[in-house]
Amino acid sequence: MYKKLFSQTLIYGLSNVLVRVFPFVLTPMLVKAFGPSKYSVYADFYSAAGIISVLLTHGMETTFFRFFQKFKEDRTQQNMVYFTSLTSVFIVSLIFLAFGLLARVPLANAFKHPDQVNFLVWFLFILAADAMSAVPFAKLRIENKALRFASLKIMNSIVMFFLTVLFIFVIPKQIESYGIGSSIFSKFYNPEYGIGYAFVANLIASIVTFLALTPTMFNGKYSFNIPLWKKMLLYAWPITIAGLAGIINETMDRQFLKYLLPEGTAEIEMGIYSAVYKIATFITLFKTAYLLGVEPFFFSHAGEKNSKKTYASLMKYFTIFSALILLFLVANLDWIGRLYIRNPEYWSGLKVVPILLIGSTFLGIYLNLSIWYKLSDNTHYGAIISVIGAGITIILNWIGLKYTNLGYWACAYATFLSYLVMMVISYVWGQKNYPIPYNQRKLIFYIGGSSLLSILSFYTSNSIFVHIVLGNFLFFIFLYFMIKIEQRDIKIIKEKLKNFKRKGKG
């Protein structure tokens, strides 16, 4: 059981790292090429992408997992579940696309980018194509086709990365070298688009991925069942609400910066904050890789005798690795941040990163805890928790940006507190409704200790040297105590690895 989970998580994890490495590498390239105000246009559109994507998929990925597992022995019903999910997403996405194209000018004005209607149109097609690919990707996961899933995700990122580099860096240099009239690219390339070519690259990558998924997408006899669809929507709506609220917590602070800060200041603050926020992707990489592998595992083992003990054990290991990653990143943030973001215009934002990293760690634990309401078919609890978190985010951002001079610090504090509250509420409600035997003391020690040591190492001095030396010293002290505490489990793991090697040689 663990071997299968490990292999699946390893494939998803490695692919997830590779998938996110490309946009992660692109960020410092883009911020070096464009100042905060120009980069903020790109960041602005993509900060809204999350909310739109949640609406377009409306919880059908998780709903597909749940209903697919309900019909384990009935392939006909499973096929119906798949095509009902797929049709639902297609209908919503096509309606969205039609409406967006008709209202493109007022929408561009609402985004405060009236001169970027082209960017908006490309953006609409990207969102629709990605949404319509979501359920086929979920199908690959439920069928344990991890390699196929991973290869398509990696292909998408590679295409987007190389086309972005080509459009924004290679072609302009070629035109500059040969002259506007002499270059082979002059006929179709418009230098005025600038960062807009990042949207073009993304659109091409999304279309290529969609086409590559068509064999999976339309494999099987089409069957759409309206009564089943109604049941699925009933299960899915709380997930959608939870997803919307979750995205408000993750990305909508950029929109608050845009609308609540003075014009001019808003673009710069949003550009800086969006760039440094990317550093929290280090935590997100681990969290996403783990959840991609473990969510189907949770559903498929829900009825087994020791499943809850397994969930508790997985939570402990997730928390251990999250705590170590957090403390290591904060300890080395000064040099990692400057290495990652080469443009000094953005370095002032590095000070908020520890708060964002701790908040992202809380989010990872919350998402791990949230399995209780999915397995017990109480998804409305997830919606309530997420709405509470979104409420905290909205209120704190509104107060912080409108009535104080905190700027993007208000966004960071709101993120931190929102995820902390969501994590605590999910744990308390989960233990009442679907009790899982978590080791509370260890979890609190690991995540609380790592968070406190991160704050201590980074905010007690303005010296970069002190940050690095003190932070890494505390990291190794923390690691030492963690190893001492987990000695028994480490011995068991070593024995299992030895046995595994012996079997391999045999």
Protein backbone atom coordinates (compact mmCIF):
# COMPACT_ATOMS: atom_id res chain seq x y z
CA MET A 1 0.00 0.00 0.00
CA TYR A 2 2.71 2.49 1.04
CA LYS A 3 4.92 1.36 -1.85
CA LYS A 4 2.21 2.21 -4.38
CA LEU A 5 1.49 5.56 -2.69
CA PHE A 6 5.21 6.37 -2.63
CA SER A 7 5.70 5.55 -6.32
CA GLN A 8 2.62 7.57 -7.33
CA THR A 9 3.63 10.51 -5.15
CA LEU A 10 7.21 10.33 -6.48
CA ILE A 11 6.01 10.54 -10.09
CA TYR A 12 3.52 13.32 -9.30
CA GLY A 13 6.11 15.04 -7.15
CA LEU A 14 8.90 15.01 -9.72
CA SER A 15 6.53 16.09 -12.49
CA ASN A 16 5.08 18.80 -10.27
CA VAL A 17 8.56 20.11 -9.51
CA LEU A 18 9.43 20.16 -13.20
CA VAL A 19 6.10 21.73 -14.14
CA ARG A 20 6.56 24.53 -11.63
CA VAL A 21 10.27 24.99 -12.26
CA PHE A 22 9.64 26.51 -15.69
CA PRO A 23 7.26 29.30 -14.57
CA PHE A 24 9.40 29.66 -11.45
CA VAL A 25 12.45 30.30 -13.65
CA LEU A 26 10.44 32.60 -15.90
CA THR A 27 9.52 34.94 -13.05
CA PRO A 28 13.06 36.31 -12.44
CA MET A 29 13.53 36.63 -16.20
CA LEU A 30 10.32 38.62 -16.57
CA VAL A 31 10.95 40.86 -13.57
CA LYS A 32 14.46 41.58 -14.87
CA ALA A 33 13.07 42.49 -18.30
CA PHE A 34 10.08 44.49 -17.03
CA GLY A 35 9.74 46.87 -14.09
CA PRO A 36 7.12 46.38 -11.35
CA SER A 37 4.44 48.45 -13.12
CA LYS A 38 4.65 46.46 -16.40
CA TYR A 39 5.00 43.11 -14.66
CA SER A 40 1.93 43.96 -12.58
CA VAL A 41 -0.28 43.70 -15.73
CA TYR A 42 0.74 40.05 -16.12
CA ALA A 43 0.43 39.41 -12.37
CA ASP A 44 -2.95 41.14 -12.28
CA PHE A 45 -4.61 38.93 -14.89
CA TYR A 46 -3.20 35.75 -13.40
CA SER A 47 -4.29 36.73 -9.90
CA ALA A 48 -7.86 36.57 -11.23
CA ALA A 49 -7.25 33.25 -13.03
CA GLY A 50 -7.74 31.18 -9.89
CA ILE A 51 -11.27 32.39 -9.16
CA ILE A 52 -12.36 31.96 -12.77
CA SER A 53 -10.83 28.46 -12.96
CA VAL A 54 -12.69 27.38 -9.83
CA LEU A 55 -15.97 28.58 -11.34
CA LEU A 56 -15.32 26.85 -14.65
CA THR A 57 -14.46 23.48 -13.09
CA HIS A 58 -17.02 24.01 -10.24
CA GLY A 59 -15.66 21.21 -8.05
CA MET A 60 -15.99 18.51 -10.71
CA GLU A 61 -12.48 17.07 -10.23
CA THR A 62 -13.02 16.07 -6.58
CA THR A 63 -16.65 15.16 -7.34
CA PHE A 64 -15.47 12.91 -10.16
CA PHE A 65 -13.08 11.12 -7.76
CA ARG A 66 -15.83 10.59 -5.20
CA PHE A 67 -18.52 9.31 -7.57
CA PHE A 68 -16.08 7.22 -9.60
CA GLN A 69 -15.09 5.33 -6.42
CA LYS A 70 -18.75 4.76 -5.52
CA PHE A 71 -19.10 2.55 -8.60
CA LYS A 72 -15.93 0.48 -8.22
CA GLU A 73 -17.43 -2.65 -9.80
CA ASP A 74 -19.52 -0.95 -12.48
CA ARG A 75 -17.57 0.32 -15.48
CA THR A 76 -20.73 1.58 -17.19
CA GLN A 77 -21.58 3.81 -14.23
CA GLN A 78 -17.97 5.00 -13.98
CA ASN A 79 -18.07 5.93 -17.65
CA MET A 80 -21.30 7.86 -17.04
CA VAL A 81 -19.71 9.70 -14.10
CA TYR A 82 -16.76 10.71 -16.27
CA PHE A 83 -18.76 12.03 -19.22
CA THR A 84 -21.27 13.77 -16.97
CA SER A 85 -18.39 15.59 -15.23
CA LEU A 86 -16.73 16.42 -18.54
CA THR A 87 -19.93 17.72 -20.13
CA SER A 88 -20.66 19.92 -17.12
CA VAL A 89 -17.25 21.61 -17.37
CA PHE A 90 -17.52 21.97 -21.15
CA ILE A 91 -20.93 23.66 -20.96
CA VAL A 92 -19.82 26.17 -18.31
CA SER A 93 -16.49 26.89 -20.08
CA LEU A 94 -18.08 27.53 -23.48
CA ILE A 95 -20.74 29.83 -21.99
CA PHE A 96 -18.00 31.72 -20.13
CA LEU A 97 -15.91 32.06 -23.29
CA ALA A 98 -18.83 33.34 -25.36
CA PHE A 99 -19.82 35.88 -22.70
CA GLY A 100 -16.22 37.00 -22.20
CA LEU A 101 -15.65 37.61 -25.90
CA LEU A 102 -18.87 39.60 -26.25
CA ALA A 103 -18.06 41.73 -23.18
CA ARG A 104 -14.28 41.98 -23.75
CA VAL A 105 -14.10 45.79 -23.84
CA PRO A 106 -16.05 46.45 -20.61
CA LEU A 107 -14.14 43.59 -18.95
CA ALA A 108 -10.80 45.14 -19.94
CA ASN A 109 -12.01 48.45 -18.47
CA ALA A 110 -13.05 46.69 -15.26
CA PHE A 111 -9.54 45.22 -15.00
CA LYS A 112 -8.21 48.80 -15.37
CA HIS A 113 -6.36 47.74 -18.53
CA PRO A 114 -8.46 49.33 -21.32
CA ASP A 115 -5.53 49.18 -23.75
CA GLN A 116 -4.97 45.45 -23.22
CA VAL A 117 -8.10 43.94 -24.80
CA ASN A 118 -5.92 41.51 -26.78
CA PHE A 119 -4.32 40.27 -23.57
CA LEU A 120 -7.78 39.69 -22.12
CA VAL A 121 -9.00 37.70 -25.15
CA TRP A 122 -5.96 35.41 -25.05
CA PHE A 123 -6.47 35.04 -21.32
CA LEU A 124 -10.10 33.95 -21.79
CA PHE A 125 -9.11 31.21 -24.23
CA ILE A 126 -6.34 30.01 -21.87
CA LEU A 127 -8.80 29.67 -18.99
CA ALA A 128 -11.38 27.82 -21.09
CA ALA A 129 -8.84 25.37 -22.56
CA ASP A 130 -7.31 24.63 -19.16
CA ALA A 131 -10.72 24.11 -17.54
CA MET A 132 -11.83 21.66 -20.25
CA SER A 133 -8.61 19.69 -19.67
CA ALA A 134 -9.18 19.36 -15.91
CA VAL A 135 -11.51 16.32 -15.81
CA PRO A 136 -9.45 14.30 -18.34
CA PHE A 137 -6.40 14.94 -16.16
CA ALA A 138 -8.41 13.76 -13.14
CA LYS A 139 -9.30 10.62 -15.10
CA LEU A 140 -5.61 9.88 -15.65
CA ARG A 141 -5.04 10.19 -11.91
CA ILE A 142 -7.91 7.92 -10.89
CA GLU A 143 -6.75 5.31 -13.42
CA ASN A 144 -3.22 5.46 -11.93
CA LYS A 145 -1.74 6.66 -15.23
CA ALA A 146 0.75 8.83 -13.42
CA LEU A 147 3.37 8.78 -16.19
CA ARG A 148 0.88 9.93 -18.82
CA PHE A 149 -0.39 12.64 -16.47
CA ALA A 150 3.15 13.78 -15.69
CA SER A 151 4.36 13.78 -19.31
CA LEU A 152 1.45 15.97 -20.48
CA LYS A 153 1.88 18.43 -17.60
CA ILE A 154 5.62 18.67 -18.26
CA MET A 155 5.02 19.11 -22.00
CA ASN A 156 2.66 22.01 -21.28
CA SER A 157 5.27 23.77 -19.15
CA ILE A 158 8.10 23.18 -21.62
CA VAL A 159 6.09 24.57 -24.54
CA MET A 160 5.04 27.63 -22.52
CA PHE A 161 8.56 28.25 -21.22
CA PHE A 162 10.38 28.04 -24.54
CA LEU A 163 7.77 30.05 -26.43
CA THR A 164 7.89 32.78 -23.77
CA VAL A 165 11.68 32.90 -24.02
CA LEU A 166 11.43 32.94 -27.82
CA PHE A 167 8.82 35.71 -28.00
CA ILE A 168 10.13 37.98 -25.24
CA PHE A 169 13.90 37.50 -25.36
CA VAL A 170 15.14 35.75 -28.53
CA ILE A 171 13.06 37.39 -31.28
CA PRO A 172 13.53 40.99 -30.00
CA LYS A 173 17.31 40.46 -29.98
CA GLN A 174 17.17 38.99 -33.48
CA ILE A 175 15.17 41.99 -34.73
CA GLU A 176 17.58 44.34 -32.98
CA SER A 177 20.56 42.63 -34.61
CA TYR A 178 19.19 42.51 -38.18
CA GLY A 179 16.93 45.56 -38.12
CA ILE A 180 13.14 45.77 -38.21
CA GLY A 181 12.86 45.41 -41.98
CA SER A 182 15.49 42.69 -42.39
CA SER A 183 14.43 40.22 -39.68
CA ILE A 184 12.32 37.21 -40.71
CA PHE A 185 10.15 37.86 -37.64
CA SER A 186 9.31 41.48 -38.51
CA LYS A 187 6.12 40.63 -40.43
CA PHE A 188 4.26 39.03 -37.54
CA TYR A 189 6.07 40.25 -34.41
CA ASN A 190 4.87 43.40 -32.64
CA PRO A 191 7.39 44.71 -30.05
CA GLU A 192 4.61 46.81 -28.48
CA TYR A 193 3.00 43.68 -27.04
CA GLY A 194 5.94 43.21 -24.67
CA ILE A 195 4.88 41.03 -21.75
CA GLY A 196 1.70 40.18 -23.69
CA TYR A 197 3.66 37.49 -25.50
CA ALA A 198 3.70 35.54 -22.23
CA PHE A 199 -0.08 35.19 -22.71
CA VAL A 200 0.41 34.04 -26.33
CA ALA A 201 2.91 31.39 -25.20
CA ASN A 202 0.52 30.17 -22.51
CA LEU A 203 -2.37 30.00 -24.99
CA ILE A 204 -0.41 27.88 -27.47
CA ALA A 205 0.73 25.55 -24.67
CA SER A 206 -2.85 25.16 -23.39
CA ILE A 207 -4.19 24.34 -26.86
CA VAL A 208 -1.42 21.79 -27.50
CA THR A 209 -2.16 20.11 -24.15
CA PHE A 210 -5.90 20.06 -24.84
CA LEU A 211 -5.32 18.38 -28.21
CA ALA A 212 -2.92 15.85 -26.66
CA LEU A 213 -5.61 14.93 -24.13
CA THR A 214 -8.30 14.20 -26.73
CA PRO A 215 -7.60 10.42 -26.86
CA THR A 216 -8.24 10.28 -23.10
CA MET A 217 -10.97 12.90 -23.22
CA PHE A 218 -13.26 11.06 -25.63
CA ASN A 219 -12.30 7.48 -24.83
CA GLY A 220 -15.47 5.46 -24.14
CA LYS A 221 -19.14 5.61 -25.00
CA TYR A 222 -20.61 9.05 -24.35
CA SER A 223 -23.22 9.06 -21.59
CA PHE A 224 -24.65 12.13 -19.88
CA ASN A 225 -27.12 11.50 -17.06
CA ILE A 226 -29.16 14.45 -15.76
CA PRO A 227 -30.25 12.86 -12.41
CA LEU A 228 -26.60 11.90 -11.77
CA TRP A 229 -25.51 15.41 -12.76
CA LYS A 230 -27.86 16.91 -10.18
CA LYS A 231 -26.40 14.66 -7.47
CA MET A 232 -22.88 15.58 -8.51
CA LEU A 233 -23.68 19.30 -8.46
CA LEU A 234 -25.14 18.89 -4.98
CA TYR A 235 -21.85 17.36 -3.84
CA ALA A 236 -19.77 19.86 -5.82
CA TRP A 237 -21.27 23.22 -4.85
CA PRO A 238 -19.70 23.36 -1.37
CA ILE A 239 -16.35 22.40 -2.94
CA THR A 240 -16.80 25.26 -5.39
CA ILE A 241 -17.57 27.72 -2.59
CA ALA A 242 -14.56 26.41 -0.67
CA GLY A 243 -12.42 26.75 -3.78
CA LEU A 244 -13.55 30.31 -4.39
CA ALA A 245 -12.89 31.27 -0.81
CA GLY A 246 -9.52 29.53 -0.97
CA ILE A 247 -8.52 31.44 -4.09
CA ILE A 248 -9.58 34.71 -2.46
CA ASN A 249 -7.07 33.85 0.26
CA GLU A 250 -4.34 32.93 -2.23
CA THR A 251 -4.56 35.55 -4.97
CA MET A 252 -7.15 38.27 -4.41
CA ASP A 253 -4.86 40.36 -2.24
CA ARG A 254 -3.29 41.59 -5.52
CA GLN A 255 -6.71 42.88 -6.56
CA PHE A 256 -7.07 44.66 -3.22
CA LEU A 257 -3.70 46.32 -3.82
CA LYS A 258 -4.87 47.47 -7.25
CA TYR A 259 -8.19 48.95 -6.14
CA LEU A 260 -7.38 50.24 -2.64
CA LEU A 261 -3.96 51.86 -3.11
CA PRO A 262 -3.39 55.12 -5.03
CA GLU A 263 -2.81 54.80 -8.77
CA GLY A 264 0.89 54.54 -9.52
CA THR A 265 1.72 53.16 -6.09
CA ALA A 266 -0.69 50.25 -6.63
CA GLU A 267 1.08 48.96 -9.77
CA ILE A 268 4.50 49.04 -8.11
CA GLU A 269 3.32 47.41 -4.87
CA MET A 270 1.43 44.72 -6.77
CA GLY A 271 4.42 44.00 -9.01
CA ILE A 272 6.82 43.65 -6.06
CA TYR A 273 4.42 41.61 -3.94
CA SER A 274 3.52 39.26 -6.81
CA ALA A 275 7.19 38.62 -7.57
CA VAL A 276 8.30 37.85 -3.99
CA TYR A 277 5.15 35.80 -3.40
CA LYS A 278 6.57 33.35 -5.95
CA ILE A 279 9.25 32.38 -3.42
CA ALA A 280 6.49 30.75 -1.36
CA THR A 281 6.19 28.37 -4.32
CA PHE A 282 8.96 26.31 -2.70
CA ILE A 283 6.48 25.26 0.00
CA THR A 284 3.69 24.94 -2.57
CA LEU A 285 5.77 22.51 -4.66
CA PHE A 286 5.93 20.00 -1.83
CA LYS A 287 2.30 20.54 -0.82
CA THR A 288 0.94 20.09 -4.35
CA ALA A 289 3.08 17.05 -5.13
CA TYR A 290 1.94 15.37 -1.93
CA LEU A 291 -1.75 16.13 -2.44
CA LEU A 292 -1.71 15.02 -6.09
CA GLY A 293 -0.47 11.60 -5.03
CA VAL A 294 -2.35 11.23 -1.77
CA GLU A 295 -5.89 12.42 -2.61
CA PRO A 296 -6.81 9.42 -4.83
CA PHE A 297 -5.13 7.20 -2.20
CA PHE A 298 -7.35 8.63 0.56
CA PHE A 299 -10.52 7.94 -1.40
CA SER A 300 -9.54 4.43 -2.51
CA HIS A 301 -8.60 3.34 1.06
CA ALA A 302 -11.43 5.11 2.92
CA GLY A 303 -13.22 1.90 3.93
CA GLU A 304 -10.21 -0.03 5.19
CA LYS A 305 -9.80 -0.99 8.85
CA ASN A 306 -6.65 1.00 9.69
CA SER A 307 -7.23 3.84 7.25
CA LYS A 308 -7.47 6.53 9.95
CA LYS A 309 -4.15 5.47 11.50
CA THR A 310 -2.63 5.67 8.04
CA TYR A 311 -4.00 9.20 7.57
CA ALA A 312 -2.56 10.25 10.94
CA SER A 313 0.84 8.81 10.06
CA LEU A 314 0.88 10.57 6.69
CA MET A 315 -0.07 13.85 8.36
CA LYS A 316 2.87 13.55 10.74
CA TYR A 317 5.39 13.02 7.95
CA PHE A 318 3.86 15.81 5.90
CA THR A 319 4.17 18.18 8.87
CA ILE A 320 7.78 17.14 9.53
CA PHE A 321 8.89 17.84 5.96
CA SER A 322 6.87 21.08 5.81
CA ALA A 323 8.46 22.33 9.04
CA LEU A 324 11.98 21.54 7.80
CA ILE A 325 11.41 23.16 4.40
CA LEU A 326 9.98 26.28 6.06
CA LEU A 327 12.88 26.75 8.46
CA PHE A 328 15.53 26.05 5.81
CA LEU A 329 14.00 28.52 3.35
CA VAL A 330 13.72 31.32 5.90
CA ALA A 331 17.30 30.67 7.07
CA ASN A 332 18.60 31.12 3.53
CA LEU A 333 16.04 33.60 2.23
CA ASP A 334 18.44 36.52 1.80
CA TRP A 335 20.68 34.82 -0.74
CA ILE A 336 17.95 32.65 -2.31
CA GLY A 337 15.70 35.70 -2.78
CA ARG A 338 18.42 37.83 -4.39
CA LEU A 339 19.58 34.94 -6.54
CA TYR A 340 16.02 34.32 -7.68
CA ILE A 341 14.99 37.95 -8.22
CA ARG A 342 17.92 39.72 -9.88
CA ASN A 343 16.22 43.10 -10.18
CA PRO A 344 16.99 45.20 -7.03
CA GLU A 345 13.70 47.10 -7.52
CA TYR A 346 11.94 44.07 -6.00
CA TRP A 347 14.25 43.30 -3.05
CA SER A 348 12.35 45.48 -0.59
CA GLY A 349 9.57 42.89 -0.71
CA LEU A 350 11.73 40.04 0.61
CA LYS A 351 10.96 41.04 4.21
CA VAL A 352 7.37 39.78 3.97
CA VAL A 353 8.34 36.36 2.60
CA PRO A 354 8.75 34.55 5.99
CA ILE A 355 5.17 35.51 6.90
CA LEU A 356 3.96 34.20 3.53
CA LEU A 357 5.96 30.97 3.90
CA ILE A 358 4.49 30.27 7.35
CA GLY A 359 1.01 31.00 6.02
CA SER A 360 1.59 28.64 3.08
CA THR A 361 2.67 25.94 5.54
CA PHE A 362 -0.57 26.39 7.50
CA LEU A 363 -2.48 26.07 4.22
CA GLY A 364 -0.75 22.78 3.43
CA ILE A 365 -1.73 21.34 6.81
CA TYR A 366 -5.29 22.62 6.41
CA LEU A 367 -5.61 20.92 3.01
CA ASN A 368 -4.30 17.70 4.55
CA LEU A 369 -6.80 17.97 7.40
CA SER A 370 -9.65 18.71 5.00
CA ILE A 371 -9.83 15.10 3.84
CA TRP A 372 -12.27 14.42 6.72
CA TYR A 373 -15.16 16.34 5.17
CA LYS A 374 -14.53 14.90 1.70
CA LEU A 375 -14.52 11.31 2.95
CA SER A 376 -17.60 11.81 5.14
CA ASP A 377 -19.55 13.59 2.34
CA ASN A 378 -19.76 16.74 4.48
CA THR A 379 -18.22 19.09 1.93
CA HIS A 380 -20.39 21.97 3.20
CA TYR A 381 -18.02 22.16 6.19
CA GLY A 382 -15.19 22.91 3.80
CA ALA A 383 -17.23 25.70 2.26
CA ILE A 384 -17.96 27.22 5.69
CA ILE A 385 -14.29 27.08 6.74
CA SER A 386 -13.10 28.60 3.48
CA VAL A 387 -15.70 31.37 3.65
CA ILE A 388 -14.52 32.20 7.19
CA GLY A 389 -10.95 32.36 5.88
CA ALA A 390 -11.98 34.51 2.93
CA GLY A 391 -13.88 36.82 5.28
CA ILE A 392 -10.75 37.30 7.39
CA THR A 393 -8.71 37.98 4.25
CA ILE A 394 -11.17 40.55 2.89
CA ILE A 395 -11.65 42.39 6.20
CA LEU A 396 -7.94 42.54 7.08
CA ASN A 397 -6.92 43.60 3.57
CA TRP A 398 -9.61 46.27 3.52
CA ILE A 399 -8.61 47.69 6.90
CA GLY A 400 -4.88 47.31 6.32
CA LEU A 401 -4.80 48.88 2.87
CA LYS A 402 -7.46 51.56 3.33
CA TYR A 403 -6.72 52.79 6.85
CA THR A 404 -3.01 52.09 7.42
CA ASN A 405 0.26 52.55 5.55
CA LEU A 406 1.17 48.86 5.70
CA GLY A 407 0.90 48.31 1.94
CA TYR A 408 1.57 44.71 0.94
CA TRP A 409 2.45 43.89 4.57
CA ALA A 410 -1.30 44.01 5.22
CA CYS A 411 -1.77 41.33 2.54
CA ALA A 412 0.90 39.11 4.11
CA TYR A 413 -0.56 39.40 7.63
CA ALA A 414 -4.06 38.68 6.30
CA THR A 415 -2.79 35.54 4.52
CA PHE A 416 -1.00 34.34 7.65
CA LEU A 417 -3.98 34.81 10.00
CA SER A 418 -6.54 33.46 7.54
CA TYR A 419 -4.71 30.15 7.03
CA LEU A 420 -3.99 29.81 10.75
CA VAL A 421 -7.69 30.15 11.62
CA MET A 422 -8.74 27.77 8.83
CA MET A 423 -6.24 25.15 9.98
CA VAL A 424 -7.42 25.30 13.61
CA ILE A 425 -11.14 25.20 12.73
CA SER A 426 -10.69 22.27 10.35
CA TYR A 427 -8.84 20.30 13.01
CA VAL A 428 -11.46 20.96 15.73
CA TRP A 429 -14.47 20.19 13.51
CA GLY A 430 -12.74 17.21 11.94
CA GLN A 431 -12.08 15.58 15.32
CA LYS A 432 -15.76 15.97 16.21
CA ASN A 433 -17.19 14.63 12.94
CA TYR A 434 -14.53 12.25 11.60
CA PRO A 435 -11.96 11.66 14.36
CA ILE A 436 -8.46 10.76 13.19
CA PRO A 437 -5.82 9.85 15.85
CA TYR A 438 -3.31 12.63 15.13
CA ASN A 439 -0.41 13.07 17.55
CA GLN A 440 -1.35 16.60 18.62
CA ARG A 441 1.76 17.33 20.68
CA LYS A 442 4.16 16.40 17.91
CA LEU A 443 2.25 18.31 15.25
CA ILE A 444 2.09 21.46 17.40
CA PHE A 445 5.77 21.15 18.34
CA TYR A 446 6.94 20.70 14.76
CA ILE A 447 4.90 23.39 13.07
CA GLY A 448 4.88 25.81 16.02
CA GLY A 449 8.60 25.38 16.67
CA SER A 450 9.51 25.84 13.03
CA SER A 451 7.35 28.98 12.72
CA LEU A 452 8.73 30.59 15.89
CA LEU A 453 12.35 29.81 14.99
CA SER A 454 11.79 31.21 11.50
CA ILE A 455 10.48 34.50 12.93
CA LEU A 456 13.28 34.62 15.51
CA SER A 457 16.06 34.04 12.97
CA PHE A 458 14.82 36.57 10.41
CA TYR A 459 13.30 39.48 12.32
CA THR A 460 15.69 39.91 15.25
CA SER A 461 18.38 41.52 13.10
CA ASN A 462 18.75 43.51 9.88
CA SER A 463 22.07 41.83 9.09
CA ILE A 464 22.03 39.34 6.21
CA PHE A 465 25.03 37.56 7.78
CA VAL A 466 23.17 37.13 11.09
CA HIS A 467 20.07 35.88 9.26
CA ILE A 468 22.00 33.16 7.46
CA VAL A 469 24.22 32.04 10.36
CA LEU A 470 21.53 32.13 13.06
CA GLY A 471 18.88 30.67 10.77
CA ASN A 472 20.98 27.68 9.70
CA PHE A 473 22.19 27.09 13.27
CA LEU A 474 18.56 26.94 14.46
CA PHE A 475 17.67 24.71 11.50
CA PHE A 476 20.26 22.08 12.46
CA ILE A 477 19.30 22.27 16.15
CA PHE A 478 15.67 21.73 15.18
CA LEU A 479 16.62 18.87 12.86
CA TYR A 480 18.64 17.22 15.65
CA PHE A 481 15.70 17.28 18.10
CA MET A 482 13.35 16.05 15.38
CA ILE A 483 15.58 13.04 14.68
CA LYS A 484 15.81 12.25 18.40
CA ILE A 485 12.02 12.39 18.76
CA GLU A 486 11.41 10.22 15.70
CA GLN A 487 14.18 7.68 16.42
CA ARG A 488 11.77 4.76 16.64
CA ASP A 489 10.10 5.50 13.30
CA ILE A 490 13.47 6.09 11.64
CA LYS A 491 14.65 2.63 12.76
CA ILE A 492 11.46 1.04 11.41
CA ILE A 493 11.90 2.83 8.07
CA LYS A 494 15.54 1.70 7.87
CA GLU A 495 14.53 -1.92 8.51
CA LYS A 496 11.86 -1.74 5.82
CA LEU A 497 14.37 -0.30 3.35
CA LYS A 498 16.83 -3.10 4.16
CA ASN A 499 14.13 -5.72 3.61
CA PHE A 500 13.14 -4.03 0.37
CA LYS A 501 16.75 -4.15 -0.87
CA ARG A 502 17.07 -7.83 0.09
CA LYS A 503 13.90 -8.68 -1.84
CA GLY A 504 15.23 -6.72 -4.80
CA LYS A 505 18.48 -8.69 -4.80
CA GLY A 506 16.57 -11.95 -4.38
